[in-house]
C-alpha atoms as a PDB file:
ATOM      1  CA  MET A   1     -29.462 -14.156 -26.165  1.00  0.00           C
ATOM      2  CA  GLN A   2     -29.203 -16.717 -28.965  1.00  0.00           C
ATOM      3  CA  PRO A   3     -32.215 -19.020 -29.478  1.00  0.00           C
ATOM      4  CA  SER A   4     -30.141 -22.142 -28.723  1.00  0.00           C
ATOM      5  CA  ARG A   5     -29.075 -20.641 -25.387  1.00  0.00           C
ATOM      6  CA  VAL A   6     -32.669 -19.798 -24.524  1.00  0.00           C
ATOM      7  CA  VAL A   7     -33.734 -23.399 -25.174  1.00  0.00           C
ATOM      8  CA  LEU A   8     -30.834 -24.787 -23.137  1.00  0.00           C
ATOM      9  CA  SER A   9     -31.591 -22.411 -20.268  1.00  0.00           C
ATOM     10  CA  ALA A  10     -35.275 -23.367 -20.318  1.00  0.00           C
ATOM     11  CA  THR A  11     -34.376 -27.067 -20.381  1.00  0.00           C
ATOM     12  CA  ARG A  12     -32.155 -26.664 -17.337  1.00  0.00           C
ATOM     13  CA  ASN A  13     -34.857 -24.866 -15.418  1.00  0.00           C
ATOM     14  CA  VAL A  14     -37.682 -27.215 -16.418  1.00  0.00           C
ATOM     15  CA  GLY A  15     -35.741 -30.229 -15.157  1.00  0.00           C
ATOM     16  CA  LEU A  16     -35.007 -28.537 -11.864  1.00  0.00           C
ATOM     17  CA  VAL A  17     -38.547 -27.289 -11.376  1.00  0.00           C
ATOM     18  CA  LEU A  18     -40.324 -30.493 -12.394  1.00  0.00           C
ATOM     19  CA  GLY A  19     -37.896 -32.748 -10.554  1.00  0.00           C
ATOM     20  CA  SER A  20     -38.213 -30.666  -7.394  1.00  0.00           C
ATOM     21  CA  LEU A  21     -41.994 -30.522  -7.694  1.00  0.00           C
ATOM     22  CA  ILE A  22     -42.296 -34.298  -8.075  1.00  0.00           C
ATOM     23  CA  LEU A  23     -40.018 -34.805  -5.060  1.00  0.00           C
ATOM     24  CA  CYS A  24     -42.193 -32.491  -2.955  1.00  0.00           C
ATOM     25  CA  PHE A  25     -44.955 -35.085  -3.221  1.00  0.00           C
ATOM     26  CA  ASP A  26     -42.779 -38.204  -3.158  1.00  0.00           C
ATOM     27  CA  ARG A  27     -39.188 -37.895  -1.860  1.00  0.00           C
ATOM     28  CA  LYS A  28     -38.286 -41.301  -3.294  1.00  0.00           C
ATOM     29  CA  ASN A  29     -39.718 -40.824  -6.789  1.00  0.00           C
ATOM     30  CA  THR A  30     -37.060 -42.088  -9.175  1.00  0.00           C
ATOM     31  CA  THR A  31     -38.325 -40.053 -12.134  1.00  0.00           C
ATOM     32  CA  GLY A  32     -38.063 -36.860 -10.089  1.00  0.00           C
ATOM     33  CA  LEU A  33     -34.583 -37.798  -8.909  1.00  0.00           C
ATOM     34  CA  LEU A  34     -33.481 -38.543 -12.475  1.00  0.00           C
ATOM     35  CA  MET A  35     -34.852 -35.223 -13.763  1.00  0.00           C
ATOM     36  CA  LEU A  36     -33.219 -33.297 -10.941  1.00  0.00           C
ATOM     37  CA  GLY A  37     -29.858 -35.041 -11.288  1.00  0.00           C
ATOM     38  CA  THR A  38     -29.806 -34.606 -15.050  1.00  0.00           C
ATOM     39  CA  ALA A  39     -30.620 -30.899 -14.775  1.00  0.00           C
ATOM     40  CA  LYS A  40     -27.833 -30.464 -12.224  1.00  0.00           C
ATOM     41  CA  VAL A  41     -25.313 -32.096 -14.585  1.00  0.00           C
ATOM     42  CA  VAL A  42     -26.416 -29.807 -17.412  1.00  0.00           C
ATOM     43  CA  ARG A  43     -26.005 -26.797 -15.107  1.00  0.00           C
ATOM     44  CA  GLY A  44     -22.531 -27.970 -14.076  1.00  0.00           C
ATOM     45  CA  ASP A  45     -23.500 -28.592 -10.450  1.00  0.00           C
ATOM     46  CA  TYR A  46     -21.646 -31.895 -10.370  1.00  0.00           C
ATOM     47  CA  GLU A  47     -21.410 -32.319  -6.606  1.00  0.00           C
ATOM     48  CA  GLN A  48     -25.163 -32.024  -6.105  1.00  0.00           C
ATOM     49  CA  ALA A  49     -25.863 -34.097  -9.213  1.00  0.00           C
ATOM     50  CA  GLU A  50     -23.706 -36.913  -7.835  1.00  0.00           C
ATOM     51  CA  LYS A  51     -25.593 -36.832  -4.536  1.00  0.00           C
ATOM     52  CA  THR A  52     -28.906 -36.937  -6.402  1.00  0.00           C
ATOM     53  CA  PHE A  53     -27.870 -39.893  -8.572  1.00  0.00           C
ATOM     54  CA  ASN A  54     -26.575 -41.766  -5.515  1.00  0.00           C
ATOM     55  CA  ARG A  55     -29.977 -41.189  -3.870  1.00  0.00           C
ATOM     56  CA  LEU A  56     -31.623 -42.529  -7.005  1.00  0.00           C
ATOM     57  CA  LEU A  57     -29.403 -45.614  -7.000  1.00  0.00           C
ATOM     58  CA  ALA A  58     -30.251 -46.193  -3.330  1.00  0.00           C
ATOM     59  CA  GLU A  59     -33.941 -46.267  -4.338  1.00  0.00           C
ATOM     60  CA  ASP A  60     -33.435 -48.174  -7.583  1.00  0.00           C
ATOM     61  CA  PRO A  61     -30.058 -49.965  -7.675  1.00  0.00           C
ATOM     62  CA  GLY A  62     -30.740 -51.242 -11.190  1.00  0.00           C
ATOM     63  CA  SER A  63     -31.348 -47.817 -12.737  1.00  0.00           C
ATOM     64  CA  LEU A  64     -29.559 -47.813 -16.075  1.00  0.00           C
ATOM     65  CA  HIS A  65     -30.195 -44.099 -16.565  1.00  0.00           C
ATOM     66  CA  ALA A  66     -28.715 -43.181 -13.186  1.00  0.00           C
ATOM     67  CA  ARG A  67     -25.604 -45.240 -13.889  1.00  0.00           C
ATOM     68  CA  LEU A  68     -25.124 -43.721 -17.336  1.00  0.00           C
ATOM     69  CA  TRP A  69     -25.632 -40.123 -16.158  1.00  0.00           C
ATOM     70  CA  LEU A  70     -23.352 -40.681 -13.176  1.00  0.00           C
ATOM     71  CA  SER A  71     -20.771 -42.180 -15.536  1.00  0.00           C
ATOM     72  CA  ARG A  72     -21.079 -39.100 -17.755  1.00  0.00           C
ATOM     73  CA  LEU A  73     -20.611 -36.881 -14.700  1.00  0.00           C
ATOM     74  CA  PHE A  74     -17.464 -38.805 -13.754  1.00  0.00           C
ATOM     75  CA  VAL A  75     -16.026 -38.271 -17.249  1.00  0.00           C
ATOM     76  CA  LYS A  76     -16.755 -34.525 -17.013  1.00  0.00           C
ATOM     77  CA  THR A  77     -14.935 -34.369 -13.668  1.00  0.00           C
ATOM     78  CA  GLY A  78     -11.938 -36.431 -14.814  1.00  0.00           C
ATOM     79  CA  ARG A  79     -12.814 -39.560 -12.834  1.00  0.00           C
ATOM     80  CA  ILE A  80     -12.362 -41.890 -15.782  1.00  0.00           C
ATOM     81  CA  ALA A  81     -11.814 -45.142 -13.845  1.00  0.00           C
ATOM     82  CA  GLU A  82     -15.071 -44.626 -11.934  1.00  0.00           C
ATOM     83  CA  ALA A  83     -16.877 -43.702 -15.160  1.00  0.00           C
ATOM     84  CA  LYS A  84     -15.659 -46.852 -16.880  1.00  0.00           C
ATOM     85  CA  LYS A  85     -16.656 -49.057 -13.957  1.00  0.00           C
ATOM     86  CA  LEU A  86     -20.204 -47.636 -13.845  1.00  0.00           C
ATOM     87  CA  ALA A  87     -20.620 -47.777 -17.615  1.00  0.00           C
ATOM     88  CA  LEU A  88     -19.564 -51.438 -17.639  1.00  0.00           C
ATOM     89  CA  GLU A  89     -21.996 -52.207 -14.810  1.00  0.00           C
ATOM     90  CA  ALA A  90     -24.779 -50.607 -16.837  1.00  0.00           C
ATOM     91  CA  ILE A  91     -24.207 -52.860 -19.843  1.00  0.00           C
END
């Protein structure tokens, strides 16, 4: 395996593990939700990532990071109008 792939694989797993661990202690922890959602986007698990970011926005409606990552997810899944709307809300 190429070194860049090893780093990317480790990054994916660290986000999932740390995010999940944080959420074990505090189900509403926005940092844990952000880490988990971001890792799910990187892994290509867009459906679960969207659910995670929506949970994060329910806890912290003003989260710039959640809006930007969700917007990025929408672009990756071809939902450009939704991505644009979220990105504009984040500005």
